[in-house]
N, C-alpha and C. Protein backbone atom coordinates (compact mmCIF):
# COMPACT_ATOMS: atom_id res chain seq x y z
N LEU A 1 142.82 91.14 35.91
CA LEU A 1 142.13 91.37 37.01
C LEU A 1 142.55 93.12 37.57
N GLY A 2 143.61 93.55 37.17
CA GLY A 2 143.67 94.59 37.62
C GLY A 2 142.70 95.16 37.23
N ILE A 3 142.35 95.31 35.49
CA ILE A 3 141.24 96.35 35.56
C ILE A 3 139.68 95.61 36.08
N LEU A 4 139.79 94.25 36.17
CA LEU A 4 138.25 94.09 37.10
C LEU A 4 138.12 94.98 38.37
N PHE A 5 139.46 94.84 38.99
CA PHE A 5 139.45 95.14 40.19
C PHE A 5 138.88 96.91 40.56
N ILE A 6 140.07 97.30 39.45
CA ILE A 6 139.74 99.33 39.50
C ILE A 6 138.43 99.29 39.15
N LEU A 7 138.04 98.57 37.77
CA LEU A 7 136.42 99.04 37.52
C LEU A 7 135.60 99.01 37.92
N THR A 8 135.42 98.09 39.08
CA THR A 8 134.30 97.41 39.80
C THR A 8 134.23 97.82 41.10
N ILE A 9 135.50 98.72 41.38
CA ILE A 9 135.83 99.52 42.96
C ILE A 9 135.35 101.00 42.08
N TYR A 10 135.18 101.56 41.17
CA TYR A 10 135.16 103.05 40.77
C TYR A 10 133.68 103.04 40.89
N MET A 11 132.86 101.50 40.09
CA MET A 11 131.33 101.79 39.99
C MET A 11 131.01 101.60 41.19
N GLY A 12 131.66 100.82 41.98
CA GLY A 12 130.87 100.64 43.54
C GLY A 12 130.97 101.75 44.55
N TYR A 13 131.95 102.62 44.68
CA TYR A 13 132.65 103.81 45.53
C TYR A 13 132.28 104.87 44.40
N CYS A 14 132.92 105.18 43.56
CA CYS A 14 133.37 106.63 43.12
C CYS A 14 132.50 107.12 42.52
N THR A 15 131.41 106.55 42.02
CA THR A 15 130.32 106.72 41.59
C THR A 15 129.02 107.43 42.53
N ILE A 16 129.34 106.48 43.77
CA ILE A 16 128.52 107.23 44.96
C ILE A 16 128.93 108.42 45.26
N PHE A 17 130.57 109.09 45.49
CA PHE A 17 130.89 109.41 45.76
C PHE A 17 130.94 110.90 44.98
N PHE A 18 130.45 110.71 43.78
CA PHE A 18 130.67 111.80 42.61
C PHE A 18 128.94 112.50 42.92
N ASN A 19 127.89 111.92 43.12
CA ASN A 19 126.47 112.09 43.00
C ASN A 19 126.71 112.66 44.80
N ASP A 20 127.14 112.21 45.57
CA ASP A 20 127.17 112.77 46.83
C ASP A 20 128.61 112.88 47.24
N PHE A 21 129.02 114.31 47.55
CA PHE A 21 130.57 114.77 48.05
C PHE A 21 130.50 114.28 49.48
N SER A 22 129.50 114.18 50.04
CA SER A 22 129.78 113.53 51.70
C SER A 22 129.66 111.83 52.00
N GLU A 23 129.73 111.86 50.65
CA GLU A 23 130.06 110.15 50.96
C GLU A 23 131.38 109.99 50.73
N VAL A 24 132.50 110.86 50.63
CA VAL A 24 133.84 110.52 50.44
C VAL A 24 134.54 109.89 51.46
N LYS A 25 133.89 109.93 52.64
CA LYS A 25 134.31 108.99 53.85
C LYS A 25 134.43 107.51 53.60
N HIS A 26 133.49 106.97 52.64
CA HIS A 26 133.55 105.64 52.00
C HIS A 26 135.20 105.39 52.04
N LEU A 27 135.62 106.33 50.91
CA LEU A 27 136.73 106.00 50.56
C LEU A 27 137.47 105.38 51.22
N ALA A 28 137.50 105.17 52.47
CA ALA A 28 138.52 105.19 53.41
C ALA A 28 138.43 103.45 53.92
N GLU A 29 137.45 103.23 53.28
CA GLU A 29 136.59 101.84 54.02
C GLU A 29 137.93 100.62 53.01
N TYR A 30 138.24 99.75 54.03
CA TYR A 30 139.25 98.76 53.69
C TYR A 30 138.83 98.22 52.10
N CYS A 31 137.41 98.01 51.89
CA CYS A 31 137.39 97.09 50.44
C CYS A 31 137.88 98.35 49.45
N PHE A 32 137.83 99.78 49.48
CA PHE A 32 138.07 100.48 48.59
C PHE A 32 139.58 100.33 48.32
N ILE A 33 140.24 100.26 49.47
CA ILE A 33 141.47 100.94 49.77
C ILE A 33 142.66 99.41 49.28
N SER A 34 141.92 98.42 49.60
CA SER A 34 142.72 97.26 49.60
C SER A 34 142.22 96.75 47.96
N GLY A 35 140.95 96.95 47.36
CA GLY A 35 140.82 96.69 45.81
C GLY A 35 141.58 97.29 44.73
N MET A 36 140.93 99.26 45.39
CA MET A 36 142.35 99.68 44.60
C MET A 36 143.84 99.36 44.34
N SER A 37 144.13 99.40 45.36
CA SER A 37 145.77 98.57 45.62
C SER A 37 145.98 97.52 45.07
N VAL A 38 145.14 96.67 45.19
CA VAL A 38 145.60 95.06 44.31
C VAL A 38 145.57 95.10 43.11
N GLY A 39 144.29 96.43 42.40
CA GLY A 39 143.86 96.56 41.07
C GLY A 39 145.04 97.26 40.40
N VAL A 40 145.66 97.85 41.18
CA VAL A 40 146.91 98.68 40.57
C VAL A 40 148.26 98.07 40.13
N ILE A 41 148.40 97.04 41.18
CA ILE A 41 149.68 96.18 41.66
C ILE A 41 149.48 95.16 39.80
N PHE A 42 148.12 94.92 39.89
CA PHE A 42 148.12 94.20 38.80
C PHE A 42 148.28 94.58 37.49
N LEU A 43 147.57 95.90 37.58
CA LEU A 43 147.68 96.69 36.37
C LEU A 43 149.55 96.61 35.79
N PHE A 44 150.07 97.10 36.57
CA PHE A 44 151.40 97.31 36.61
C PHE A 44 152.44 96.33 36.40
N SER A 45 151.79 94.84 36.57
CA SER A 45 152.30 93.46 36.60
C SER A 45 152.83 93.51 35.35
N PRO A 46 152.21 93.40 34.20
CA PRO A 46 152.84 93.41 32.93
C PRO A 46 154.16 94.06 32.27
N PHE A 47 154.04 95.28 32.63
CA PHE A 47 155.19 96.78 32.91
C PHE A 47 156.24 95.92 33.77
N TYR A 48 156.03 95.64 35.18
CA TYR A 48 157.20 94.87 35.50
C TYR A 48 157.56 93.77 34.58
N TYR A 49 157.02 93.03 33.92
CA TYR A 49 157.69 91.73 33.35
C TYR A 49 158.65 92.19 32.32
N ARG A 50 157.61 93.73 31.65
CA ARG A 50 158.81 94.43 30.24
C ARG A 50 159.82 94.64 31.16
N ILE A 51 159.65 94.91 31.99
CA ILE A 51 161.02 95.93 32.46
C ILE A 51 162.11 94.87 32.83
N LYS A 52 161.98 94.51 33.46
CA LYS A 52 162.52 93.34 34.71
C LYS A 52 163.02 92.00 33.91
N GLY A 53 162.27 91.55 32.83
CA GLY A 53 161.61 90.24 32.20
C GLY A 53 161.75 89.31 33.44
N ARG A 54 160.91 89.53 34.47
CA ARG A 54 160.59 88.11 35.34
C ARG A 54 159.16 89.00 35.90
N ARG A 55 157.89 88.27 36.38
CA ARG A 55 157.03 88.34 37.02
C ARG A 55 157.74 88.98 38.34
N MET A 56 156.54 89.91 38.74
CA MET A 56 156.47 90.32 40.22
C MET A 56 156.78 89.12 41.37
N PRO A 57 157.47 89.01 42.41
CA PRO A 57 157.50 87.63 43.61
C PRO A 57 155.94 87.33 43.68
N ASP A 58 155.85 85.77 44.01
CA ASP A 58 155.10 85.23 44.68
C ASP A 58 154.68 85.50 45.01
N TRP A 59 155.34 86.02 46.74
CA TRP A 59 154.48 86.43 48.00
C TRP A 59 153.57 87.82 48.11
N LEU A 60 154.07 88.54 46.80
CA LEU A 60 153.37 89.72 46.41
C LEU A 60 152.15 89.20 46.19
N TYR A 61 151.77 88.50 45.01
CA TYR A 61 150.70 88.07 44.70
C TYR A 61 150.14 87.08 46.14
N PHE A 62 150.40 86.54 47.20
CA PHE A 62 150.04 86.31 48.05
C PHE A 62 149.54 86.87 48.73
N ASN A 63 150.45 88.47 49.48
CA ASN A 63 149.62 89.54 50.09
C ASN A 63 148.33 89.89 49.88
N CYS A 64 148.28 89.93 48.07
CA CYS A 64 147.56 90.55 47.60
C CYS A 64 146.02 89.96 47.65
N MET A 65 146.52 88.36 47.76
CA MET A 65 145.01 86.97 48.13
C MET A 65 144.57 86.96 49.47
N ILE A 66 145.54 87.46 50.04
CA ILE A 66 145.45 87.69 51.35
C ILE A 66 144.52 88.77 52.00
N SER A 67 145.05 90.15 51.67
CA SER A 67 144.19 90.94 51.79
C SER A 67 142.70 90.97 50.83
N ILE A 68 142.43 90.67 50.13
CA ILE A 68 141.27 90.35 49.24
C ILE A 68 140.54 89.28 49.51
N LEU A 69 141.06 88.16 50.22
CA LEU A 69 139.96 87.19 51.16
C LEU A 69 139.42 87.50 52.14
N ILE A 70 140.46 88.31 52.87
CA ILE A 70 139.55 88.59 53.84
C ILE A 70 138.05 89.38 53.65
N ILE A 71 138.65 90.15 52.80
CA ILE A 71 136.95 90.50 52.44
C ILE A 71 135.82 89.68 51.82
N LEU A 72 135.98 88.37 51.12
CA LEU A 72 135.58 87.18 51.19
C LEU A 72 134.75 86.71 52.60
N ILE A 73 135.61 86.73 53.52
CA ILE A 73 135.50 86.33 54.51
C ILE A 73 134.57 86.39 55.60
N ALA A 74 134.94 88.08 55.21
CA ALA A 74 134.12 89.21 56.07
C ALA A 74 132.82 88.91 55.84
N THR A 75 132.41 88.51 54.40
CA THR A 75 131.15 88.31 53.61
C THR A 75 130.30 87.21 53.98
N PHE A 76 130.92 86.54 54.21
CA PHE A 76 130.07 85.40 55.23
C PHE A 76 129.63 85.63 56.49
N ALA A 77 131.12 86.40 57.40
CA ALA A 77 130.90 86.43 58.26
C ALA A 77 129.75 87.38 58.80
N VAL A 78 129.90 88.15 58.22
CA VAL A 78 128.94 89.79 58.85
C VAL A 78 127.95 90.47 57.84
N GLN A 79 128.29 89.28 57.01
CA GLN A 79 127.01 89.66 55.81
C GLN A 79 126.94 90.96 55.01
N LEU A 80 128.09 90.95 54.42
CA LEU A 80 128.39 92.53 53.66
C LEU A 80 127.35 92.29 52.56
N ASN A 81 127.39 93.81 52.06
CA ASN A 81 126.82 94.17 50.89
C ASN A 81 126.66 93.61 49.69
N LEU A 82 125.48 92.73 49.29
CA LEU A 82 125.93 92.19 48.02
C LEU A 82 125.09 92.22 46.85
N GLU A 83 124.53 93.98 46.74
CA GLU A 83 123.75 94.38 45.83
C GLU A 83 124.53 95.25 44.63
N GLY A 84 124.43 94.76 43.75
CA GLY A 84 124.92 95.43 42.33
C GLY A 84 126.31 94.67 42.34
N VAL A 85 126.86 96.28 42.22
CA VAL A 85 128.23 95.77 41.68
C VAL A 85 129.20 94.83 43.17
N PHE A 86 128.58 95.25 44.18
CA PHE A 86 129.67 94.71 45.49
C PHE A 86 129.65 93.16 45.28
N TRP A 87 128.38 92.67 44.40
CA TRP A 87 128.34 91.11 43.98
C TRP A 87 129.97 90.83 43.38
N PHE A 88 130.57 91.51 43.13
CA PHE A 88 131.68 91.77 42.24
C PHE A 88 133.02 92.04 43.42
N ILE A 89 132.81 93.35 44.17
CA ILE A 89 133.86 93.56 45.02
C ILE A 89 133.97 92.47 46.62
N HIS A 90 132.44 92.20 47.02
CA HIS A 90 132.59 91.26 47.83
C HIS A 90 132.71 89.47 48.13
N LEU A 91 132.59 89.39 46.23
CA LEU A 91 132.32 87.85 46.10
C LEU A 91 133.37 87.58 45.54
N ILE A 92 132.95 87.94 44.14
CA ILE A 92 133.82 87.18 42.55
C ILE A 92 134.98 87.91 42.69
N ASN A 93 135.50 88.96 43.00
CA ASN A 93 136.71 89.54 42.53
C ASN A 93 137.88 88.69 43.76
N PRO A 94 136.86 88.36 45.25
CA PRO A 94 138.11 87.39 45.83
C PRO A 94 138.28 85.83 45.77
N VAL A 95 137.65 85.29 44.93
CA VAL A 95 136.99 84.04 44.39
C VAL A 95 137.68 84.11 43.27
N ALA A 96 137.96 85.31 42.27
CA ALA A 96 139.01 85.32 41.12
C ALA A 96 140.08 85.41 41.44
N LEU A 97 140.66 86.26 42.31
CA LEU A 97 142.08 86.43 42.79
C LEU A 97 142.65 85.31 43.26
N PHE A 98 141.67 84.70 44.22
CA PHE A 98 142.29 83.17 44.78
C PHE A 98 142.81 82.04 43.84
N LEU A 99 141.78 82.22 42.51
CA LEU A 99 142.06 81.12 41.69
C LEU A 99 143.07 81.33 40.83
N TYR A 100 143.21 82.99 40.65
CA TYR A 100 144.45 83.14 40.12
C TYR A 100 145.82 82.70 40.93
N TRP A 101 146.01 83.09 42.07
CA TRP A 101 146.82 82.68 42.87
C TRP A 101 147.31 81.09 43.12
N ILE A 102 146.23 79.93 43.17
CA ILE A 102 146.32 78.86 42.99
C ILE A 102 147.17 78.24 41.96
N VAL A 103 146.48 78.98 41.18
CA VAL A 103 147.41 78.43 39.44
C VAL A 103 148.18 78.73 39.48
N PHE A 104 148.66 80.30 39.46
CA PHE A 104 149.34 80.31 38.40
C PHE A 104 151.19 80.87 39.82
N CYS A 105 150.67 81.03 40.73
CA CYS A 105 151.95 81.43 42.05
C CYS A 105 151.86 80.32 43.01
N ASP A 106 153.61 79.62 42.63
CA ASP A 106 153.82 78.16 42.86
C ASP A 106 154.76 79.07 44.25
N HIS A 107 154.70 78.33 45.76
CA HIS A 107 155.07 78.34 46.66
C HIS A 107 156.16 77.79 46.98
N ASN A 108 156.48 76.95 46.31
CA ASN A 108 157.90 76.01 46.22
C ASN A 108 159.07 77.52 45.82
N SER A 109 158.73 78.42 44.99
CA SER A 109 159.81 79.69 44.62
C SER A 109 160.20 80.07 45.92
N ILE A 110 158.95 80.13 47.21
CA ILE A 110 159.45 81.04 48.57
C ILE A 110 160.50 79.57 49.32
N THR A 111 161.91 80.56 49.15
CA THR A 111 162.73 79.35 50.11
C THR A 111 162.71 79.95 51.50
N LYS A 112 162.31 81.23 52.06
CA LYS A 112 162.21 81.64 53.22
C LYS A 112 160.26 81.35 53.71
N PRO A 113 160.19 80.46 54.53
CA PRO A 113 158.93 80.98 55.16
C PRO A 113 158.59 82.25 55.78
N SER A 114 159.68 82.92 56.66
CA SER A 114 159.10 83.78 57.36
C SER A 114 158.85 84.88 56.05
N ILE A 115 158.73 85.17 55.18
CA ILE A 115 158.10 85.61 54.08
C ILE A 115 156.65 85.80 54.23
N ILE A 116 156.15 84.84 54.89
CA ILE A 116 154.61 84.29 54.86
C ILE A 116 154.40 85.67 55.82
N ALA A 117 155.68 85.56 56.71
CA ALA A 117 154.44 86.74 58.04
C ALA A 117 154.38 88.18 57.23
N THR A 118 154.65 87.91 56.04
CA THR A 118 154.66 89.52 55.41
C THR A 118 152.63 90.27 54.83
N VAL A 119 152.08 89.03 55.75
CA VAL A 119 150.41 88.92 55.49
C VAL A 119 149.84 90.27 56.19
N VAL A 120 150.62 90.35 57.11
CA VAL A 120 149.97 90.91 58.19
C VAL A 120 150.74 92.55 58.23
N VAL A 121 151.27 92.88 56.89
CA VAL A 121 151.52 94.32 56.98
C VAL A 121 150.70 94.90 56.73
N PHE A 122 149.53 94.67 55.26
CA PHE A 122 148.60 95.65 54.61
C PHE A 122 147.52 95.70 55.74
N PRO A 123 147.01 94.87 56.53
CA PRO A 123 146.22 95.03 57.32
C PRO A 123 146.81 95.70 58.65
N ILE A 124 147.20 95.79 59.10
CA ILE A 124 147.94 96.26 60.51
C ILE A 124 148.28 97.93 59.72
N CYS A 125 149.18 98.22 58.28
CA CYS A 125 148.98 99.43 57.93
C CYS A 125 147.55 99.94 57.74
N TYR A 126 146.43 99.15 57.40
CA TYR A 126 145.14 100.02 57.51
C TYR A 126 144.69 100.53 58.42
N ILE A 127 144.92 99.37 59.44
CA ILE A 127 144.95 100.27 60.81
C ILE A 127 145.33 100.76 61.51
N ALA A 128 146.67 101.11 60.90
CA ALA A 128 147.28 102.09 61.46
C ALA A 128 146.53 103.65 60.60
N PHE A 129 146.49 103.37 59.14
CA PHE A 129 146.05 104.46 58.51
C PHE A 129 144.59 105.19 59.31
N SER A 130 143.80 104.11 59.62
CA SER A 130 142.60 104.01 60.17
C SER A 130 142.29 105.23 61.67
N TYR A 131 143.71 104.97 62.20
CA TYR A 131 143.58 105.35 63.82
C TYR A 131 143.94 107.12 63.85
N ILE A 132 145.05 106.97 62.57
CA ILE A 132 145.94 108.62 62.01
C ILE A 132 144.55 109.32 61.72
N LEU A 133 143.45 108.74 60.75
CA LEU A 133 142.03 109.02 60.15
C LEU A 133 140.96 109.82 61.72
N LEU A 134 140.95 108.54 62.57
CA LEU A 134 140.26 109.08 63.19
C LEU A 134 140.75 110.41 63.95
N ARG A 135 142.54 109.89 64.41
CA ARG A 135 142.71 111.25 65.47
C ARG A 135 142.70 112.72 64.34
N ILE A 136 142.23 112.43 63.49
CA ILE A 136 142.69 114.24 62.87
C ILE A 136 140.85 114.45 62.27
N THR A 137 140.51 113.70 61.94
CA THR A 137 138.70 113.92 61.52
C THR A 137 137.40 113.35 62.48
N GLY A 138 138.01 112.58 63.46
CA GLY A 138 137.20 111.94 64.31
C GLY A 138 136.27 111.11 63.72
N TYR A 139 136.55 110.60 62.59
CA TYR A 139 135.77 109.24 61.47
C TYR A 139 136.33 108.02 61.59
N CYS A 140 136.09 107.41 61.66
CA CYS A 140 136.90 105.83 60.99
C CYS A 140 135.75 104.97 60.77
N ALA A 141 136.38 104.40 59.51
CA ALA A 141 135.88 103.46 58.25
C ALA A 141 135.41 102.11 58.48
N PHE A 142 134.52 101.52 58.16
CA PHE A 142 134.53 100.11 58.27
C PHE A 142 135.63 99.16 57.58
N PRO A 143 136.02 98.17 58.26
CA PRO A 143 136.04 98.05 59.92
C PRO A 143 136.68 98.13 60.58
N ALA A 144 137.90 98.96 60.98
CA ALA A 144 138.52 99.35 61.86
C ALA A 144 137.57 100.28 62.86
N ASN A 145 136.13 100.44 62.57
CA ASN A 145 135.59 101.22 63.59
C ASN A 145 135.32 100.03 64.74
N LEU A 146 135.27 98.89 64.62
CA LEU A 146 134.42 98.12 65.09
C LEU A 146 135.88 97.74 66.12
N ILE A 147 137.20 98.09 65.42
CA ILE A 147 138.50 97.88 66.96
C ILE A 147 138.80 99.07 67.27
N LEU A 148 138.69 100.52 66.50
CA LEU A 148 139.01 101.40 67.45
C LEU A 148 137.85 102.53 67.92
N VAL A 149 136.85 102.22 67.74
CA VAL A 149 135.84 102.71 68.37
C VAL A 149 135.31 102.39 69.67
N GLY A 150 135.41 102.92 70.86
CA GLY A 150 134.70 102.29 71.92
C GLY A 150 135.13 101.15 72.66
N ASN A 151 136.53 100.89 72.61
CA ASN A 151 137.39 100.27 73.07
C ASN A 151 138.32 100.33 73.54
N SER A 152 138.82 99.89 75.00
CA SER A 152 140.59 100.56 75.64
C SER A 152 141.44 99.97 74.84
N TYR A 153 142.65 100.86 75.08
CA TYR A 153 143.66 100.42 74.17
C TYR A 153 143.90 99.42 74.68
N LEU A 154 143.83 99.06 75.68
CA LEU A 154 144.36 97.21 75.81
C LEU A 154 143.66 96.86 75.17
N ILE A 155 142.22 96.33 74.99
CA ILE A 155 141.41 95.06 74.25
C ILE A 155 141.42 95.71 72.99
N GLN A 156 141.83 96.93 71.93
CA GLN A 156 142.24 97.30 70.53
C GLN A 156 143.77 96.25 70.44
N ILE A 157 144.43 96.39 71.43
CA ILE A 157 145.73 95.49 71.14
C ILE A 157 145.61 94.08 71.08
N ALA A 158 144.74 93.63 71.89
CA ALA A 158 144.42 92.40 71.95
C ALA A 158 144.06 91.71 70.66
N ILE A 159 142.76 92.71 70.54
CA ILE A 159 142.24 92.36 69.04
C ILE A 159 143.06 92.28 67.97
N ILE A 160 143.89 93.26 68.05
CA ILE A 160 144.75 93.29 66.79
C ILE A 160 145.75 92.34 66.68
N ALA A 161 146.37 91.80 68.02
CA ALA A 161 147.35 90.75 68.03
C ALA A 161 146.43 89.50 67.42
N GLY A 162 145.20 89.05 68.20
CA GLY A 162 144.65 88.44 67.82
C GLY A 162 144.24 88.09 66.51
N LEU A 163 143.87 89.31 65.68
CA LEU A 163 143.83 89.03 63.92
C LEU A 163 145.03 89.18 63.49
N CYS A 164 145.99 89.83 64.19
CA CYS A 164 147.34 89.17 62.91
C CYS A 164 147.84 87.69 63.42
N THR A 165 147.29 87.38 64.57
CA THR A 165 147.70 85.62 64.98
C THR A 165 147.09 84.70 63.45
N CYS A 166 145.47 85.23 63.33
CA CYS A 166 144.82 84.63 62.60
C CYS A 166 145.21 84.75 61.22
N PHE A 167 145.51 85.74 61.03
CA PHE A 167 146.37 86.16 59.44
C PHE A 167 147.37 85.31 59.74
N LEU A 168 148.30 84.85 60.03
CA LEU A 168 149.17 84.08 60.13
C LEU A 168 149.12 82.47 59.90
N GLY A 169 148.12 82.10 60.79
CA GLY A 169 147.89 81.09 60.72
C GLY A 169 147.09 80.56 59.58
N LEU A 170 146.48 81.93 58.95
CA LEU A 170 145.67 81.28 57.48
C LEU A 170 146.94 81.62 56.20
N GLY A 171 147.64 82.56 56.86
CA GLY A 171 148.49 82.31 55.90
C GLY A 171 149.77 81.49 55.50
N HIS A 172 149.98 80.65 56.47
CA HIS A 172 151.01 79.30 56.43
C HIS A 172 150.13 77.96 56.19
N LEU A 173 148.43 78.51 56.53
CA LEU A 173 148.14 76.69 55.73
C LEU A 173 148.13 77.01 54.28
N LEU A 174 147.48 78.11 54.21
CA LEU A 174 147.59 78.45 52.28
C LEU A 174 148.72 78.29 51.80
N HIS A 175 149.58 78.91 52.52
CA HIS A 175 151.61 78.53 52.26
C HIS A 175 151.75 76.89 51.89
N PHE A 176 150.94 76.55 52.86
CA PHE A 176 151.32 74.83 52.45
C PHE A 176 150.68 74.53 51.63
N LEU A 177 149.32 74.30 51.57
CA LEU A 177 148.34 74.44 50.51
C LEU A 177 149.14 74.42 49.31
N ASN A 178 149.27 75.56 48.83
CA ASN A 178 150.10 75.69 47.48
C ASN A 178 151.11 74.80 46.97
N ARG A 179 151.60 74.76 47.97
CA ARG A 179 153.07 73.99 47.92
C ARG A 179 152.49 72.49 47.85
N TYR A 180 151.49 71.82 48.25
CA TYR A 180 150.89 70.38 48.43
C TYR A 180 150.49 70.49 46.68
N ILE A 181 149.86 71.89 46.27
CA ILE A 181 149.02 71.21 45.10
C ILE A 181 150.14 70.90 43.77
N HIS A 182 151.29 72.07 43.76
CA HIS A 182 151.65 72.56 43.06
C HIS A 182 153.09 71.02 42.50
N LYS A 183 153.30 70.65 44.18
CA LYS A 183 154.14 69.34 43.59
C LYS A 183 153.64 68.14 43.11
N ASN A 184 152.07 68.03 43.51
CA ASN A 184 151.60 66.63 43.29
C ASN A 184 150.28 66.76 42.36
N SER A 185 150.34 67.70 41.90
CA SER A 185 149.32 67.88 40.37
C SER A 185 149.75 68.74 39.41
N THR A 186 148.92 68.61 38.29
CA THR A 186 149.61 69.44 37.01
C THR A 186 148.95 71.11 37.04
N VAL A 187 148.37 71.34 38.61
CA VAL A 187 147.51 72.30 38.65
C VAL A 187 149.06 73.74 38.57
N GLY A 188 149.13 74.72 37.83
CA GLY A 188 150.38 76.15 37.97
C GLY A 188 151.51 75.47 37.06
N LYS A 189 151.10 73.59 36.31
CA LYS A 189 152.38 73.55 35.38
C LYS A 189 153.02 74.38 34.38
N LYS A 190 151.88 75.31 34.02
CA LYS A 190 152.35 76.75 33.29
C LYS A 190 153.05 77.76 34.11
N SER A 191 154.41 77.83 33.94
CA SER A 191 155.04 78.88 34.92
C SER A 191 154.31 80.21 34.83
N GLY A 192 154.00 81.05 35.83
CA GLY A 192 153.54 82.23 35.50
C GLY A 192 154.23 83.14 35.11
N ASP A 193 155.57 83.03 34.59
CA ASP A 193 156.36 83.94 33.70
C ASP A 193 155.92 83.56 31.83
N GLU A 194 155.45 82.29 31.79
CA GLU A 194 155.18 81.92 30.16
C GLU A 194 153.59 82.43 30.48
N PHE A 195 152.80 82.39 31.76
CA PHE A 195 151.84 83.43 31.12
C PHE A 195 151.73 84.44 31.40
N CYS A 196 152.28 85.57 31.60
CA CYS A 196 152.40 86.90 31.90
C CYS A 196 153.17 86.88 30.12
N GLU A 197 154.48 86.32 29.61
CA GLU A 197 154.74 86.52 28.56
C GLU A 197 153.66 86.29 27.20
N GLU A 198 152.65 85.18 27.28
CA GLU A 198 151.61 84.95 26.89
C GLU A 198 150.91 86.10 26.56
N ASN A 199 150.31 86.88 27.41
CA ASN A 199 149.54 87.84 27.60
C ASN A 199 150.10 89.10 27.13
N ILE A 200 151.21 89.61 27.35
CA ILE A 200 151.88 90.75 26.85
C ILE A 200 152.06 90.09 25.26
N GLU A 201 152.39 89.15 24.59
CA GLU A 201 152.64 89.52 23.13
C GLU A 201 151.21 89.33 22.94
């Protein structure tokens, strides 16, 4: 998955950037930053398993999945570009990551429900990054521009609070769905540790 994410993001964004340097601004888009971040995390995960003797915590994979699932939701909500490699970036990658999470991540290992609240960390960090970029360069990438451009501070805060509430609701819903599936079916019966070990060997 790590290679898939990094390769498709590179083909979708970096090739455009190399052909036209003025398009470097698109590297600040949510799809690029979230996709590259998730790709790096998954690419590093086998080395983490080698060093620590265990896989990365399920809540980290959960946060990765939520941050990418947002792209899939936005694809249907606002009809994001589905031409060429963007079929992968906006549709196939989110579905593949969701399936990985539902099969190999067991949320029964998450003993503190408050950990689910961390799903808002990445989106908030991205909005903060976009705000700083807007102040420094005057440019705000999609989709942060829908929040930070043309709205008063009060409306911006209200939108961000509403989005955080939606992320928390979605996070808890999927958390309980995952626990239910792993308690009542054979999905994910092979542990994540076993999956990592087999792939490393």
